[in-house]
N, C-alpha and C. Protein backbone atom coordinates (compact mmCIF):
# COMPACT_ATOMS: atom_id res chain seq x y z
N MET A 1 -25.31 -2.93 -2.94
CA MET A 1 -24.62 -2.02 -3.84
C MET A 1 -25.10 -2.27 -5.26
N ASN A 2 -25.27 -1.19 -6.01
CA ASN A 2 -25.61 -1.39 -7.41
C ASN A 2 -24.34 -1.69 -8.21
N SER A 3 -24.52 -2.08 -9.46
CA SER A 3 -23.38 -2.54 -10.25
C SER A 3 -22.32 -1.45 -10.47
N LYS A 4 -22.75 -0.19 -10.58
CA LYS A 4 -21.76 0.90 -10.74
C LYS A 4 -20.92 1.06 -9.49
N ASP A 5 -21.56 0.94 -8.32
CA ASP A 5 -20.82 1.04 -7.07
C ASP A 5 -19.83 -0.12 -6.91
N VAL A 6 -20.27 -1.29 -7.31
CA VAL A 6 -19.40 -2.47 -7.23
C VAL A 6 -18.21 -2.29 -8.16
N GLU A 7 -18.47 -1.85 -9.39
CA GLU A 7 -17.38 -1.61 -10.34
C GLU A 7 -16.39 -0.59 -9.80
N ARG A 8 -16.91 0.49 -9.26
CA ARG A 8 -16.05 1.55 -8.71
C ARG A 8 -15.23 1.01 -7.54
N SER A 9 -15.87 0.25 -6.67
CA SER A 9 -15.16 -0.32 -5.51
C SER A 9 -14.11 -1.33 -5.95
N GLU A 10 -14.44 -2.15 -6.94
CA GLU A 10 -13.45 -3.11 -7.44
C GLU A 10 -12.26 -2.39 -8.07
N ARG A 11 -12.54 -1.34 -8.84
CA ARG A 11 -11.45 -0.58 -9.47
C ARG A 11 -10.57 0.06 -8.38
N GLU A 12 -11.22 0.64 -7.38
CA GLU A 12 -10.46 1.26 -6.30
C GLU A 12 -9.63 0.22 -5.55
N TYR A 13 -10.20 -0.96 -5.35
CA TYR A 13 -9.48 -2.05 -4.69
C TYR A 13 -8.21 -2.41 -5.47
N HIS A 14 -8.35 -2.58 -6.78
CA HIS A 14 -7.20 -2.94 -7.60
C HIS A 14 -6.17 -1.81 -7.64
N GLU A 15 -6.63 -0.57 -7.64
CA GLU A 15 -5.70 0.56 -7.59
C GLU A 15 -4.94 0.56 -6.26
N LEU A 16 -5.64 0.27 -5.18
CA LEU A 16 -4.98 0.20 -3.87
C LEU A 16 -3.96 -0.93 -3.81
N MET A 17 -4.29 -2.06 -4.43
CA MET A 17 -3.34 -3.17 -4.46
C MET A 17 -2.08 -2.76 -5.22
N GLY A 18 -2.24 -2.06 -6.34
CA GLY A 18 -1.09 -1.56 -7.09
C GLY A 18 -0.28 -0.57 -6.28
N ALA A 19 -0.97 0.32 -5.59
CA ALA A 19 -0.28 1.30 -4.75
C ALA A 19 0.47 0.62 -3.61
N LEU A 20 -0.14 -0.39 -3.02
CA LEU A 20 0.53 -1.13 -1.95
C LEU A 20 1.78 -1.82 -2.47
N ASN A 21 1.67 -2.44 -3.63
CA ASN A 21 2.84 -3.10 -4.21
C ASN A 21 3.96 -2.09 -4.49
N ALA A 22 3.60 -0.95 -5.05
CA ALA A 22 4.60 0.08 -5.38
C ALA A 22 5.25 0.64 -4.12
N THR A 23 4.46 0.91 -3.09
CA THR A 23 5.03 1.47 -1.86
C THR A 23 5.89 0.44 -1.13
N ASN A 24 5.52 -0.83 -1.23
CA ASN A 24 6.35 -1.87 -0.61
C ASN A 24 7.70 -1.98 -1.32
N VAL A 25 7.70 -1.89 -2.64
CA VAL A 25 8.96 -1.91 -3.40
C VAL A 25 9.80 -0.69 -3.02
N LEU A 26 9.18 0.47 -2.95
CA LEU A 26 9.89 1.69 -2.57
C LEU A 26 10.49 1.56 -1.18
N LYS A 27 9.72 1.03 -0.26
CA LYS A 27 10.20 0.86 1.12
C LYS A 27 11.43 -0.06 1.15
N GLU A 28 11.40 -1.15 0.41
CA GLU A 28 12.54 -2.07 0.36
C GLU A 28 13.77 -1.40 -0.24
N GLU A 29 13.57 -0.62 -1.29
CA GLU A 29 14.69 0.11 -1.90
C GLU A 29 15.28 1.13 -0.92
N LEU A 30 14.42 1.82 -0.20
CA LEU A 30 14.91 2.79 0.78
C LEU A 30 15.67 2.11 1.90
N LYS A 31 15.23 0.94 2.31
CA LYS A 31 15.94 0.19 3.35
C LYS A 31 17.33 -0.22 2.87
N LEU A 32 17.44 -0.60 1.60
CA LEU A 32 18.76 -0.92 1.05
C LEU A 32 19.67 0.30 1.09
N ARG A 33 19.13 1.45 0.71
CA ARG A 33 19.91 2.69 0.74
C ARG A 33 20.32 3.04 2.17
N LEU A 34 19.41 2.77 3.11
CA LEU A 34 19.71 3.04 4.51
C LEU A 34 20.90 2.19 4.98
N ASP A 35 20.91 0.94 4.57
CA ASP A 35 22.01 0.05 4.95
C ASP A 35 23.35 0.51 4.36
N GLU A 36 23.28 1.18 3.20
CA GLU A 36 24.49 1.64 2.52
C GLU A 36 24.96 3.03 2.99
N ALA A 37 24.07 3.77 3.66
CA ALA A 37 24.38 5.15 4.04
C ALA A 37 25.46 5.18 5.12
N ARG A 38 26.39 6.13 4.95
CA ARG A 38 27.48 6.26 5.91
C ARG A 38 27.33 7.50 6.77
N ASP A 39 26.63 8.47 6.28
CA ASP A 39 26.44 9.75 6.97
C ASP A 39 25.21 9.65 7.88
N ASP A 40 25.35 10.09 9.12
CA ASP A 40 24.23 10.03 10.07
C ASP A 40 23.04 10.87 9.62
N CYS A 41 23.32 12.00 8.99
CA CYS A 41 22.23 12.86 8.50
C CYS A 41 21.43 12.15 7.41
N VAL A 42 22.13 11.47 6.54
CA VAL A 42 21.46 10.73 5.46
C VAL A 42 20.63 9.60 6.06
N ARG A 43 21.19 8.92 7.04
CA ARG A 43 20.45 7.84 7.69
C ARG A 43 19.18 8.36 8.36
N GLU A 44 19.27 9.51 8.99
CA GLU A 44 18.10 10.08 9.65
C GLU A 44 17.01 10.44 8.63
N VAL A 45 17.43 11.04 7.53
CA VAL A 45 16.47 11.40 6.48
C VAL A 45 15.81 10.15 5.92
N LEU A 46 16.61 9.14 5.62
CA LEU A 46 16.05 7.89 5.09
C LEU A 46 15.11 7.22 6.09
N ASP A 47 15.46 7.25 7.37
CA ASP A 47 14.57 6.71 8.40
C ASP A 47 13.22 7.42 8.38
N ASN A 48 13.26 8.75 8.26
CA ASN A 48 12.02 9.53 8.23
C ASN A 48 11.19 9.22 6.99
N VAL A 49 11.84 9.09 5.86
CA VAL A 49 11.12 8.79 4.61
C VAL A 49 10.52 7.39 4.69
N ILE A 50 11.26 6.44 5.22
CA ILE A 50 10.74 5.08 5.38
C ILE A 50 9.52 5.09 6.30
N ALA A 51 9.56 5.86 7.36
CA ALA A 51 8.41 5.96 8.27
C ALA A 51 7.19 6.53 7.55
N LEU A 52 7.41 7.53 6.71
CA LEU A 52 6.29 8.10 5.94
C LEU A 52 5.70 7.10 4.95
N VAL A 53 6.56 6.38 4.27
CA VAL A 53 6.10 5.36 3.32
C VAL A 53 5.34 4.26 4.07
N ASP A 54 5.84 3.88 5.22
CA ASP A 54 5.18 2.86 6.03
C ASP A 54 3.80 3.33 6.47
N ALA A 55 3.69 4.59 6.87
CA ALA A 55 2.39 5.15 7.26
C ALA A 55 1.41 5.12 6.09
N GLN A 56 1.90 5.41 4.89
CA GLN A 56 1.06 5.37 3.70
C GLN A 56 0.60 3.95 3.42
N CYS A 57 1.48 2.98 3.61
CA CYS A 57 1.11 1.57 3.43
C CYS A 57 -0.01 1.18 4.40
N ILE A 58 0.10 1.63 5.62
CA ILE A 58 -0.93 1.33 6.62
C ILE A 58 -2.27 1.92 6.19
N GLU A 59 -2.26 3.15 5.71
CA GLU A 59 -3.49 3.78 5.24
C GLU A 59 -4.09 3.02 4.06
N TYR A 60 -3.25 2.63 3.11
CA TYR A 60 -3.73 1.86 1.96
C TYR A 60 -4.34 0.53 2.42
N ARG A 61 -3.72 -0.12 3.40
CA ARG A 61 -4.26 -1.40 3.89
C ARG A 61 -5.63 -1.21 4.54
N HIS A 62 -5.78 -0.11 5.31
CA HIS A 62 -7.08 0.18 5.92
C HIS A 62 -8.15 0.38 4.85
N ARG A 63 -7.82 1.15 3.84
CA ARG A 63 -8.77 1.38 2.74
C ARG A 63 -9.11 0.09 2.03
N ARG A 64 -8.10 -0.73 1.77
CA ARG A 64 -8.32 -2.03 1.10
C ARG A 64 -9.24 -2.90 1.93
N ASP A 65 -8.99 -2.96 3.23
CA ASP A 65 -9.81 -3.80 4.11
C ASP A 65 -11.26 -3.29 4.16
N ASP A 66 -11.44 -1.98 4.19
CA ASP A 66 -12.79 -1.41 4.15
C ASP A 66 -13.52 -1.80 2.87
N LEU A 67 -12.80 -1.75 1.75
CA LEU A 67 -13.41 -2.14 0.48
C LEU A 67 -13.78 -3.61 0.46
N ARG A 68 -12.93 -4.44 1.03
CA ARG A 68 -13.23 -5.88 1.10
C ARG A 68 -14.54 -6.13 1.82
N VAL A 69 -14.74 -5.40 2.92
CA VAL A 69 -15.95 -5.56 3.71
C VAL A 69 -17.17 -5.13 2.90
N ARG A 70 -17.05 -4.04 2.15
CA ARG A 70 -18.18 -3.52 1.37
C ARG A 70 -18.52 -4.38 0.17
N LEU A 71 -17.51 -5.01 -0.42
CA LEU A 71 -17.75 -5.84 -1.60
C LEU A 71 -18.32 -7.19 -1.17
N GLN A 72 -19.13 -7.74 -2.01
CA GLN A 72 -19.73 -9.04 -1.72
C GLN A 72 -18.65 -10.12 -1.78
N PRO A 73 -18.80 -11.15 -0.97
CA PRO A 73 -17.83 -12.26 -1.03
C PRO A 73 -17.78 -12.86 -2.43
N GLY A 74 -16.57 -13.17 -2.85
CA GLY A 74 -16.40 -13.77 -4.16
C GLY A 74 -16.20 -12.78 -5.28
N THR A 75 -16.35 -11.48 -5.00
CA THR A 75 -16.17 -10.46 -6.03
C THR A 75 -14.70 -10.27 -6.33
N ILE A 76 -13.88 -10.34 -5.32
CA ILE A 76 -12.44 -10.13 -5.47
C ILE A 76 -11.77 -11.49 -5.54
N ASP A 77 -10.79 -11.61 -6.42
CA ASP A 77 -10.05 -12.86 -6.54
C ASP A 77 -9.39 -13.18 -5.21
N GLU A 78 -9.53 -14.41 -4.80
CA GLU A 78 -8.94 -14.85 -3.53
C GLU A 78 -7.43 -14.70 -3.54
N SER A 79 -6.79 -14.85 -4.69
CA SER A 79 -5.33 -14.76 -4.78
C SER A 79 -4.82 -13.36 -4.48
N GLU A 80 -5.67 -12.34 -4.62
CA GLU A 80 -5.23 -10.97 -4.38
C GLU A 80 -5.34 -10.57 -2.92
N GLN A 81 -5.99 -11.35 -2.14
CA GLN A 81 -6.17 -11.00 -0.74
C GLN A 81 -4.93 -11.33 0.01
């Protein structure tokens, strides 16, 4: 990879890490709301939203893992993996 490709991949990696962190926080907040919900309809909606957020997290993880493979070892901080 040339340096521009590496820069772009590193930036995308860090953006994915931020997105993963944000979606994980959202998922935890939704789970708290689910525990507090008393109406079955609300619980069903929250379950569906949590499933969608979880699917997005899975997609972000796949993209992150693909980027890790493409980037040279040592390019990404070990603490972020």
